[in-house]
Amino acid sequence: MTLEVSEDGRELRVFWLDPASESGYRSTGLSWTDGMLVSDLKDALTLAGNLTCFPSHLIDDASAYVRWGQRLRWTTPLRAGDEIAVLERISADAKARRHAKVERQRAKAAK
């Protein structure tokens, strides 16, 4: 498993959010063999380690891996051609904390 696309073009695309990027996200292609699992993807991303702005704190979080809006498990088989997103799950508490922080920042700016 490498970060370069295999000669037969069988790859798995992995996307993640990056607000600093012009498009708002980044992606990479991994050579992929049908039937490999999400846990294999975790291992490949761990080995890659230096992907620009990749949320490495999510690598060990099974709920961060999403295909077509559905969360995946470590035992979910993946196929070449799949597009996988690595996204942070936002809890209601985390959302409330973010909103409170924004309100504090706006109040400071208004003074």
C-alpha atoms as a PDB file:
ATOM      1  CA  MET A   1       0.000   0.000   0.000  1.00  0.00           C
ATOM      2  CA  THR A   2       1.560   3.299  -1.078  1.00  0.00           C
ATOM      3  CA  LEU A   3       0.493   6.888  -1.534  1.00  0.00           C
ATOM      4  CA  GLU A   4       1.137   6.689  -5.258  1.00  0.00           C
ATOM      5  CA  VAL A   5      -1.642   5.488  -7.520  1.00  0.00           C
ATOM      6  CA  SER A   6      -0.980   2.003  -8.844  1.00  0.00           C
ATOM      7  CA  GLU A   7      -0.316   1.499 -12.541  1.00  0.00           C
ATOM      8  CA  ASP A   8      -3.699  -0.155 -13.032  1.00  0.00           C
ATOM      9  CA  GLY A   9      -5.354   3.014 -11.663  1.00  0.00           C
ATOM     10  CA  ARG A  10      -6.995   1.250  -8.726  1.00  0.00           C
ATOM     11  CA  GLU A  11      -7.051   3.853  -6.030  1.00  0.00           C
ATOM     12  CA  LEU A  12      -8.977   4.933  -2.989  1.00  0.00           C
ATOM     13  CA  ARG A  13      -9.453   8.700  -2.598  1.00  0.00           C
ATOM     14  CA  VAL A  14      -9.264  10.163   0.904  1.00  0.00           C
ATOM     15  CA  PHE A  15     -10.578  13.686   1.575  1.00  0.00           C
ATOM     16  CA  TRP A  16     -10.272  15.944   4.617  1.00  0.00           C
ATOM     17  CA  LEU A  17     -11.236  19.530   5.429  1.00  0.00           C
ATOM     18  CA  ASP A  18      -8.601  22.260   5.178  1.00  0.00           C
ATOM     19  CA  PRO A  19      -9.899  25.822   5.597  1.00  0.00           C
ATOM     20  CA  ALA A  20      -6.520  27.204   4.449  1.00  0.00           C
ATOM     21  CA  SER A  21      -6.894  25.500   1.070  1.00  0.00           C
ATOM     22  CA  GLU A  22      -8.559  27.446  -1.744  1.00  0.00           C
ATOM     23  CA  SER A  23     -11.115  24.657  -2.221  1.00  0.00           C
ATOM     24  CA  GLY A  24     -11.656  24.138   1.528  1.00  0.00           C
ATOM     25  CA  TYR A  25     -10.423  20.554   1.440  1.00  0.00           C
ATOM     26  CA  ARG A  26      -7.476  18.398   0.427  1.00  0.00           C
ATOM     27  CA  SER A  27      -7.261  14.840  -0.843  1.00  0.00           C
ATOM     28  CA  THR A  28      -4.839  12.082  -1.672  1.00  0.00           C
ATOM     29  CA  GLY A  29      -5.032   8.850  -3.626  1.00  0.00           C
ATOM     30  CA  LEU A  30      -3.907   5.523  -2.216  1.00  0.00           C
ATOM     31  CA  SER A  31      -3.209   2.380  -4.213  1.00  0.00           C
ATOM     32  CA  TRP A  32      -5.887  -0.011  -3.069  1.00  0.00           C
ATOM     33  CA  THR A  33      -6.834  -3.660  -3.294  1.00  0.00           C
ATOM     34  CA  ASP A  34     -10.535  -4.495  -3.132  1.00  0.00           C
ATOM     35  CA  GLY A  35     -11.576  -6.056   0.141  1.00  0.00           C
ATOM     36  CA  MET A  36      -9.045  -4.272   2.333  1.00  0.00           C
ATOM     37  CA  LEU A  37     -10.641  -2.841   5.486  1.00  0.00           C
ATOM     38  CA  VAL A  38     -10.963   0.606   7.052  1.00  0.00           C
ATOM     39  CA  SER A  39      -8.347  -0.563   9.578  1.00  0.00           C
ATOM     40  CA  ASP A  40      -5.934  -0.971   6.631  1.00  0.00           C
ATOM     41  CA  LEU A  41      -6.697   2.614   5.622  1.00  0.00           C
ATOM     42  CA  LYS A  42      -5.886   3.732   9.160  1.00  0.00           C
ATOM     43  CA  ASP A  43      -2.512   1.978   8.902  1.00  0.00           C
ATOM     44  CA  ALA A  44      -1.789   3.565   5.499  1.00  0.00           C
ATOM     45  CA  LEU A  45      -2.612   7.047   6.776  1.00  0.00           C
ATOM     46  CA  THR A  46      -0.468   6.491   9.868  1.00  0.00           C
ATOM     47  CA  LEU A  47       2.466   5.528   7.651  1.00  0.00           C
ATOM     48  CA  ALA A  48       1.908   8.566   5.425  1.00  0.00           C
ATOM     49  CA  GLY A  49       2.086  10.876   8.417  1.00  0.00           C
ATOM     50  CA  ASN A  50       3.077  14.019   6.522  1.00  0.00           C
ATOM     51  CA  LEU A  51      -0.077  14.816   4.550  1.00  0.00           C
ATOM     52  CA  THR A  52      -0.653  18.575   4.469  1.00  0.00           C
ATOM     53  CA  CYS A  53      -3.099  19.687   7.170  1.00  0.00           C
ATOM     54  CA  PHE A  54      -4.354  16.115   7.659  1.00  0.00           C
ATOM     55  CA  PRO A  55      -6.278  15.795  10.957  1.00  0.00           C
ATOM     56  CA  SER A  56      -3.937  13.141  12.364  1.00  0.00           C
ATOM     57  CA  HIS A  57      -5.758  13.216  15.719  1.00  0.00           C
ATOM     58  CA  LEU A  58      -8.660  11.465  13.939  1.00  0.00           C
ATOM     59  CA  ILE A  59      -6.691   8.508  12.563  1.00  0.00           C
ATOM     60  CA  ASP A  60      -7.609   6.263  15.510  1.00  0.00           C
ATOM     61  CA  ASP A  61     -11.264   7.371  15.613  1.00  0.00           C
ATOM     62  CA  ALA A  62     -13.360   4.846  13.686  1.00  0.00           C
ATOM     63  CA  SER A  63     -16.331   7.238  13.605  1.00  0.00           C
ATOM     64  CA  ALA A  64     -14.275   9.783  11.620  1.00  0.00           C
ATOM     65  CA  TYR A  65     -14.269   7.645   8.447  1.00  0.00           C
ATOM     66  CA  VAL A  66     -17.255   8.322   6.189  1.00  0.00           C
ATOM     67  CA  ARG A  67     -18.364   6.971   2.794  1.00  0.00           C
ATOM     68  CA  TRP A  68     -21.347   8.638   1.107  1.00  0.00           C
ATOM     69  CA  GLY A  69     -22.456  10.173   4.402  1.00  0.00           C
ATOM     70  CA  GLN A  70     -22.365   6.897   6.330  1.00  0.00           C
ATOM     71  CA  ARG A  71     -19.951   6.289   9.186  1.00  0.00           C
ATOM     72  CA  LEU A  72     -17.752   3.232   8.758  1.00  0.00           C
ATOM     73  CA  ARG A  73     -16.399   0.580  11.128  1.00  0.00           C
ATOM     74  CA  TRP A  74     -12.864  -0.818  11.280  1.00  0.00           C
ATOM     75  CA  THR A  75     -14.207  -4.008   9.691  1.00  0.00           C
ATOM     76  CA  THR A  76     -15.897  -2.293   6.718  1.00  0.00           C
ATOM     77  CA  PRO A  77     -14.398  -3.517   3.428  1.00  0.00           C
ATOM     78  CA  LEU A  78     -13.424  -0.818   0.937  1.00  0.00           C
ATOM     79  CA  ARG A  79     -13.133  -1.016  -2.835  1.00  0.00           C
ATOM     80  CA  ALA A  80     -10.830   0.754  -5.244  1.00  0.00           C
ATOM     81  CA  GLY A  81     -12.743   3.740  -6.560  1.00  0.00           C
ATOM     82  CA  ASP A  82     -14.318   4.545  -3.191  1.00  0.00           C
ATOM     83  CA  GLU A  83     -14.099   8.087  -1.878  1.00  0.00           C
ATOM     84  CA  ILE A  84     -13.626   8.291   1.877  1.00  0.00           C
ATOM     85  CA  ALA A  85     -13.822  11.438   3.998  1.00  0.00           C
ATOM     86  CA  VAL A  86     -12.106  11.820   7.350  1.00  0.00           C
ATOM     87  CA  LEU A  87     -14.309  14.171   9.372  1.00  0.00           C
ATOM     88  CA  GLU A  88     -14.478  15.201  12.996  1.00  0.00           C
ATOM     89  CA  ARG A  89     -17.738  14.237  14.611  1.00  0.00           C
ATOM     90  CA  ILE A  90     -19.179  17.232  16.423  1.00  0.00           C
ATOM     91  CA  SER A  91     -21.130  16.491  19.580  1.00  0.00           C
ATOM     92  CA  ALA A  92     -23.897  18.774  20.803  1.00  0.00           C
ATOM     93  CA  ASP A  93     -21.642  19.870  23.679  1.00  0.00           C
ATOM     94  CA  ALA A  94     -18.782  20.740  21.332  1.00  0.00           C
ATOM     95  CA  LYS A  95     -21.178  22.671  19.109  1.00  0.00           C
ATOM     96  CA  ALA A  96     -22.474  24.648  22.110  1.00  0.00           C
ATOM     97  CA  ARG A  97     -18.893  25.443  23.195  1.00  0.00           C
ATOM     98  CA  ARG A  98     -18.048  26.691  19.700  1.00  0.00           C
ATOM     99  CA  HIS A  99     -21.135  28.901  19.587  1.00  0.00           C
ATOM    100  CA  ALA A 100     -20.317  30.334  23.028  1.00  0.00           C
ATOM    101  CA  LYS A 101     -16.761  31.066  21.907  1.00  0.00           C
ATOM    102  CA  VAL A 102     -17.999  32.875  18.795  1.00  0.00           C
ATOM    103  CA  GLU A 103     -20.431  34.936  20.873  1.00  0.00           C
ATOM    104  CA  ARG A 104     -17.605  35.940  23.260  1.00  0.00           C
ATOM    105  CA  GLN A 105     -15.404  36.932  20.319  1.00  0.00           C
ATOM    106  CA  ARG A 106     -18.192  39.002  18.766  1.00  0.00           C
ATOM    107  CA  ALA A 107     -18.899  40.711  22.099  1.00  0.00           C
ATOM    108  CA  LYS A 108     -15.197  41.587  22.434  1.00  0.00           C
ATOM    109  CA  ALA A 109     -15.073  42.926  18.884  1.00  0.00           C
ATOM    110  CA  ALA A 110     -18.185  45.067  19.467  1.00  0.00           C
ATOM    111  CA  LYS A 111     -16.587  46.893  22.433  1.00  0.00           C
END
